[in-house]
Amino acid sequence: MKYNLEMNMKNIITILLITLTSFTSFSQNKAKNLLNEVSTKVKSYKNISINFKYILENTSENIRQETRGDVVLQGEKYKLNILGVTRLFDGKTLYSISPEDEEISISSNNDEDENSITPSKMLSFYEEGYTYAMDIVQNIKGRKIQLVKLTPIDSDSEINYILLGIDTQTKHIYNLITIGKNGTKTILTVNSFKTNAPLSKTLFTFDANKYKDYYVNNLD
């Protein structure tokens, strides 16, 4: 946040700057402590299953899209269902399966795009590459949601800032609001958050026999 303070009295300016610096440091420390709690909690689970709502909107372009999806996370592995497409990552290879098109795209997972928050990063992306500060607290259906504002350190990032909503009681992520420099806003809201469920040993394994009639597109 930028402040343009024009005052004639140097001692008042000095006091304000000291106060502002102290408050910013305090806010960053509180935000860091809260995020550390969230990270520790998330990493303690063997697996996580999430049902979510996803909204993309750009007012200037008159665009608004809303959809729902679900994802199961286990370490770096994940199985994501959204917009009729299943994205399956087994730790090395990403499979995008589209029953409507009867097509499968296969590629090595690309973590080089820092602007992309993949399912495996969704609960931990904030651990590096951002500065952060406490934002407002929202009361949502009796739940106290603390927003933490994350600003990319990379000035070339396509992201302007991110608001990460954290349930202060459970220390779980409630929502993720991303504001792009092009005016696009995306909101991911967690509807259900389950942990340590018994999972099939083949949940993250791609079975080519199930898709014999599909067109396979190897992207690498």
Protein backbone atom coordinates (compact mmCIF):
# COMPACT_ATOMS: atom_id res chain seq x y z
CA MET A 1 0.00 0.00 0.00
CA LYS A 2 1.39 3.40 -0.97
CA TYR A 3 0.89 6.47 1.13
CA ASN A 4 1.47 10.01 -0.16
CA LEU A 5 1.94 12.06 2.99
CA GLU A 6 2.66 15.75 2.52
CA MET A 7 3.14 17.52 5.83
CA ASN A 8 5.24 20.51 6.82
CA MET A 9 6.20 19.35 10.30
CA LYS A 10 9.14 16.95 10.08
CA ASN A 11 8.56 15.52 13.54
CA ILE A 12 4.98 14.48 12.64
CA ILE A 13 6.24 12.83 9.44
CA THR A 14 8.86 10.96 11.42
CA ILE A 15 6.34 9.72 13.98
CA LEU A 16 3.92 8.60 11.28
CA LEU A 17 6.62 6.73 9.36
CA ILE A 18 7.81 4.95 12.50
CA THR A 19 4.23 4.03 13.37
CA LEU A 20 3.51 2.83 9.84
CA THR A 21 6.68 0.73 9.72
CA SER A 22 5.89 -0.84 13.08
CA PHE A 23 2.32 -1.64 12.06
CA THR A 24 3.41 -3.18 8.73
CA SER A 25 5.98 -5.40 10.44
CA PHE A 26 3.39 -6.48 13.00
CA SER A 27 0.88 -7.26 10.27
CA GLN A 28 3.43 -9.28 8.30
CA ASN A 29 4.45 -11.24 11.40
CA LYS A 30 0.84 -12.06 12.23
CA ALA A 31 0.18 -13.09 8.63
CA LYS A 32 3.32 -15.24 8.56
CA ASN A 33 2.39 -16.96 11.81
CA LEU A 34 -1.13 -17.69 10.56
CA LEU A 35 0.13 -19.06 7.23
CA ASN A 36 2.64 -21.24 9.07
CA GLU A 37 -0.20 -22.69 11.13
CA VAL A 38 -2.18 -23.43 7.97
CA SER A 39 0.85 -25.01 6.27
CA THR A 40 1.64 -27.20 9.28
CA LYS A 41 -1.99 -28.35 9.49
CA VAL A 42 -2.20 -29.18 5.78
CA LYS A 43 1.08 -31.12 5.76
CA SER A 44 -0.08 -33.25 8.68
CA TYR A 45 -2.80 -34.90 6.54
CA LYS A 46 -2.19 -38.04 4.50
CA ASN A 47 -4.67 -36.85 1.88
CA ILE A 48 -7.28 -34.14 1.34
CA SER A 49 -10.58 -34.22 -0.57
CA ILE A 50 -12.16 -30.90 -1.54
CA ASN A 51 -15.41 -29.91 -3.24
CA PHE A 52 -15.32 -26.34 -4.47
CA LYS A 53 -17.03 -23.59 -6.43
CA TYR A 54 -15.00 -21.67 -9.01
CA ILE A 55 -15.94 -18.26 -10.41
CA LEU A 56 -14.12 -16.33 -13.13
CA GLU A 57 -15.20 -12.81 -13.95
CA ASN A 58 -14.01 -9.77 -15.82
CA THR A 59 -16.40 -6.84 -15.53
CA SER A 60 -14.88 -4.80 -18.35
CA GLU A 61 -15.21 -7.75 -20.74
CA ASN A 62 -18.68 -8.65 -19.41
CA ILE A 63 -17.50 -12.16 -18.57
CA ARG A 64 -18.72 -14.30 -15.69
CA GLN A 65 -18.36 -18.05 -15.51
CA GLU A 66 -19.26 -20.26 -12.58
CA THR A 67 -18.63 -23.95 -12.14
CA ARG A 68 -18.12 -26.59 -9.48
CA GLY A 69 -15.49 -29.24 -9.12
CA ASP A 70 -13.72 -31.60 -6.80
CA VAL A 71 -10.14 -32.64 -6.20
CA VAL A 72 -8.31 -35.30 -4.20
CA LEU A 73 -4.76 -34.43 -3.13
CA GLN A 74 -2.05 -36.71 -1.82
CA GLY A 75 1.38 -35.13 -1.75
CA GLU A 76 2.11 -33.98 -5.30
CA LYS A 77 -0.46 -36.35 -6.77
CA TYR A 78 -3.99 -35.22 -7.53
CA LYS A 79 -7.21 -36.06 -9.34
CA LEU A 80 -9.22 -33.02 -10.38
CA ASN A 81 -12.69 -32.99 -11.95
CA ILE A 82 -13.88 -29.71 -13.42
CA LEU A 83 -15.80 -28.58 -16.53
CA GLY A 84 -16.37 -32.20 -17.57
CA VAL A 85 -12.62 -32.89 -17.72
CA THR A 86 -10.57 -35.08 -15.38
CA ARG A 87 -6.98 -34.04 -14.74
CA LEU A 88 -4.93 -36.85 -13.25
CA PHE A 89 -1.37 -36.31 -12.05
CA ASP A 90 0.54 -39.37 -10.80
CA GLY A 91 3.59 -37.44 -9.64
CA LYS A 92 5.35 -37.48 -13.01
CA THR A 93 2.80 -37.32 -15.81
CA LEU A 94 -0.34 -35.24 -16.23
CA TYR A 95 -3.34 -36.78 -18.02
CA SER A 96 -6.24 -34.56 -19.14
CA ILE A 97 -9.21 -36.75 -19.97
CA SER A 98 -12.20 -35.34 -21.87
CA PRO A 99 -15.08 -37.85 -22.30
CA GLU A 100 -17.05 -35.36 -24.39
CA ASP A 101 -14.26 -35.10 -26.97
CA GLU A 102 -13.02 -38.66 -26.37
CA GLU A 103 -9.54 -37.21 -26.14
CA ILE A 104 -6.63 -37.56 -23.73
CA SER A 105 -3.74 -35.09 -23.53
CA ILE A 106 -0.57 -36.38 -21.92
CA SER A 107 2.30 -34.22 -20.74
CA SER A 108 5.01 -33.88 -18.16
CA ASN A 109 3.82 -31.70 -15.33
CA ASN A 110 5.07 -28.14 -15.83
CA ASP A 111 5.80 -26.30 -12.59
CA GLU A 112 7.78 -23.55 -14.30
CA ASP A 113 4.79 -21.24 -14.69
CA GLU A 114 4.82 -19.36 -11.40
CA ASN A 115 1.54 -17.66 -12.27
CA SER A 116 -0.27 -20.98 -12.32
CA ILE A 117 -1.67 -22.36 -9.07
CA THR A 118 -2.06 -26.08 -9.71
CA PRO A 119 -4.13 -28.36 -7.43
CA SER A 120 -0.98 -29.71 -5.79
CA LYS A 121 0.10 -26.13 -5.05
CA MET A 122 -3.30 -24.83 -4.00
CA LEU A 123 -2.73 -25.38 -0.28
CA SER A 124 0.93 -24.37 -0.19
CA PHE A 125 1.65 -21.97 -3.08
CA TYR A 126 1.95 -19.01 -0.70
CA GLU A 127 5.06 -20.39 1.01
CA GLU A 128 7.40 -18.60 -1.39
CA GLY A 129 7.32 -15.82 -3.96
CA TYR A 130 4.96 -13.50 -2.10
CA THR A 131 4.93 -10.77 0.50
CA TYR A 132 1.93 -10.87 2.77
CA ALA A 133 -0.08 -8.86 5.26
CA MET A 134 -3.26 -9.28 7.27
CA ASP A 135 -6.39 -7.98 5.59
CA ILE A 136 -10.01 -7.80 6.78
CA VAL A 137 -11.93 -10.41 8.79
CA GLN A 138 -15.22 -11.68 7.37
CA ASN A 139 -18.03 -13.43 9.22
CA ILE A 140 -19.44 -16.04 6.84
CA LYS A 141 -22.31 -18.12 8.21
CA GLY A 142 -20.87 -17.92 11.70
CA ARG A 143 -17.35 -18.71 10.57
CA LYS A 144 -14.58 -16.20 11.17
CA ILE A 145 -12.59 -15.92 7.93
CA GLN A 146 -9.32 -13.99 8.12
CA LEU A 147 -8.11 -12.68 4.75
CA VAL A 148 -4.38 -12.53 4.11
CA LYS A 149 -3.21 -10.40 1.18
CA LEU A 150 -0.39 -11.88 -0.88
CA THR A 151 1.50 -9.75 -3.38
CA PRO A 152 3.87 -11.40 -5.89
CA ILE A 153 7.52 -10.44 -5.45
CA ASP A 154 8.02 -10.81 -9.21
CA SER A 155 6.94 -7.51 -10.76
CA ASP A 156 6.35 -9.31 -14.09
CA SER A 157 3.76 -11.61 -12.58
CA GLU A 158 0.34 -11.56 -14.26
CA ILE A 159 -1.17 -11.58 -10.76
CA ASN A 160 -1.84 -8.24 -9.09
CA TYR A 161 -2.55 -9.77 -5.68
CA ILE A 162 -4.23 -12.70 -3.98
CA LEU A 163 -6.56 -12.79 -1.00
CA LEU A 164 -6.35 -16.05 0.91
CA GLY A 165 -9.29 -16.66 3.27
CA ILE A 166 -8.48 -18.78 6.31
CA ASP A 167 -10.94 -20.22 8.82
CA THR A 168 -9.41 -19.06 12.09
CA GLN A 169 -10.86 -21.99 14.03
CA THR A 170 -9.91 -24.92 11.80
CA LYS A 171 -6.87 -23.26 10.17
CA HIS A 172 -8.15 -24.51 6.82
CA ILE A 173 -8.26 -22.46 3.62
CA TYR A 174 -11.81 -21.31 2.93
CA ASN A 175 -11.34 -19.36 -0.29
CA LEU A 176 -8.77 -18.08 -2.73
CA ILE A 177 -9.38 -14.82 -4.58
CA THR A 178 -6.95 -13.95 -7.37
CA ILE A 179 -6.91 -10.49 -8.95
CA GLY A 180 -5.10 -10.35 -12.28
CA LYS A 181 -3.44 -7.29 -13.77
CA ASN A 182 -5.76 -7.64 -16.78
CA GLY A 183 -8.81 -7.14 -14.57
CA THR A 184 -9.74 -10.81 -14.33
CA LYS A 185 -10.89 -12.01 -10.92
CA THR A 186 -11.14 -15.66 -9.94
CA ILE A 187 -12.71 -16.95 -6.74
CA LEU A 188 -12.28 -20.51 -5.51
CA THR A 189 -14.48 -21.31 -2.51
CA VAL A 190 -14.17 -24.56 -0.58
CA ASN A 191 -17.58 -26.16 0.03
CA SER A 192 -16.30 -29.26 1.81
CA PHE A 193 -12.89 -30.22 3.17
CA LYS A 194 -12.24 -33.84 4.18
CA THR A 195 -8.99 -35.41 5.29
CA ASN A 196 -7.33 -38.81 5.65
CA ALA A 197 -10.03 -40.74 3.80
CA PRO A 198 -9.26 -44.33 2.66
CA LEU A 199 -8.24 -44.06 -1.00
CA SER A 200 -7.99 -46.67 -3.71
CA LYS A 201 -4.39 -47.63 -4.47
CA THR A 202 -5.11 -46.96 -8.15
CA LEU A 203 -6.83 -43.58 -7.70
CA PHE A 204 -3.90 -41.68 -9.22
CA THR A 205 -2.99 -44.37 -11.76
CA PHE A 206 -3.90 -43.87 -15.41
CA ASP A 207 -5.50 -46.98 -16.96
CA ALA A 208 -5.21 -46.82 -20.74
CA ASN A 209 -7.55 -49.82 -21.13
CA LYS A 210 -10.47 -47.63 -20.07
CA TYR A 211 -9.91 -45.28 -23.01
CA LYS A 212 -9.09 -47.53 -25.96
CA ASP A 213 -11.25 -45.50 -28.37
CA TYR A 214 -9.92 -42.12 -27.28
CA TYR A 215 -7.59 -39.97 -29.33
CA VAL A 216 -4.29 -39.59 -27.48
CA ASN A 217 -2.46 -36.30 -27.80
CA ASN A 218 1.13 -36.43 -26.51
CA LEU A 219 2.14 -32.84 -25.79
CA ASP A 220 5.83 -33.46 -24.97
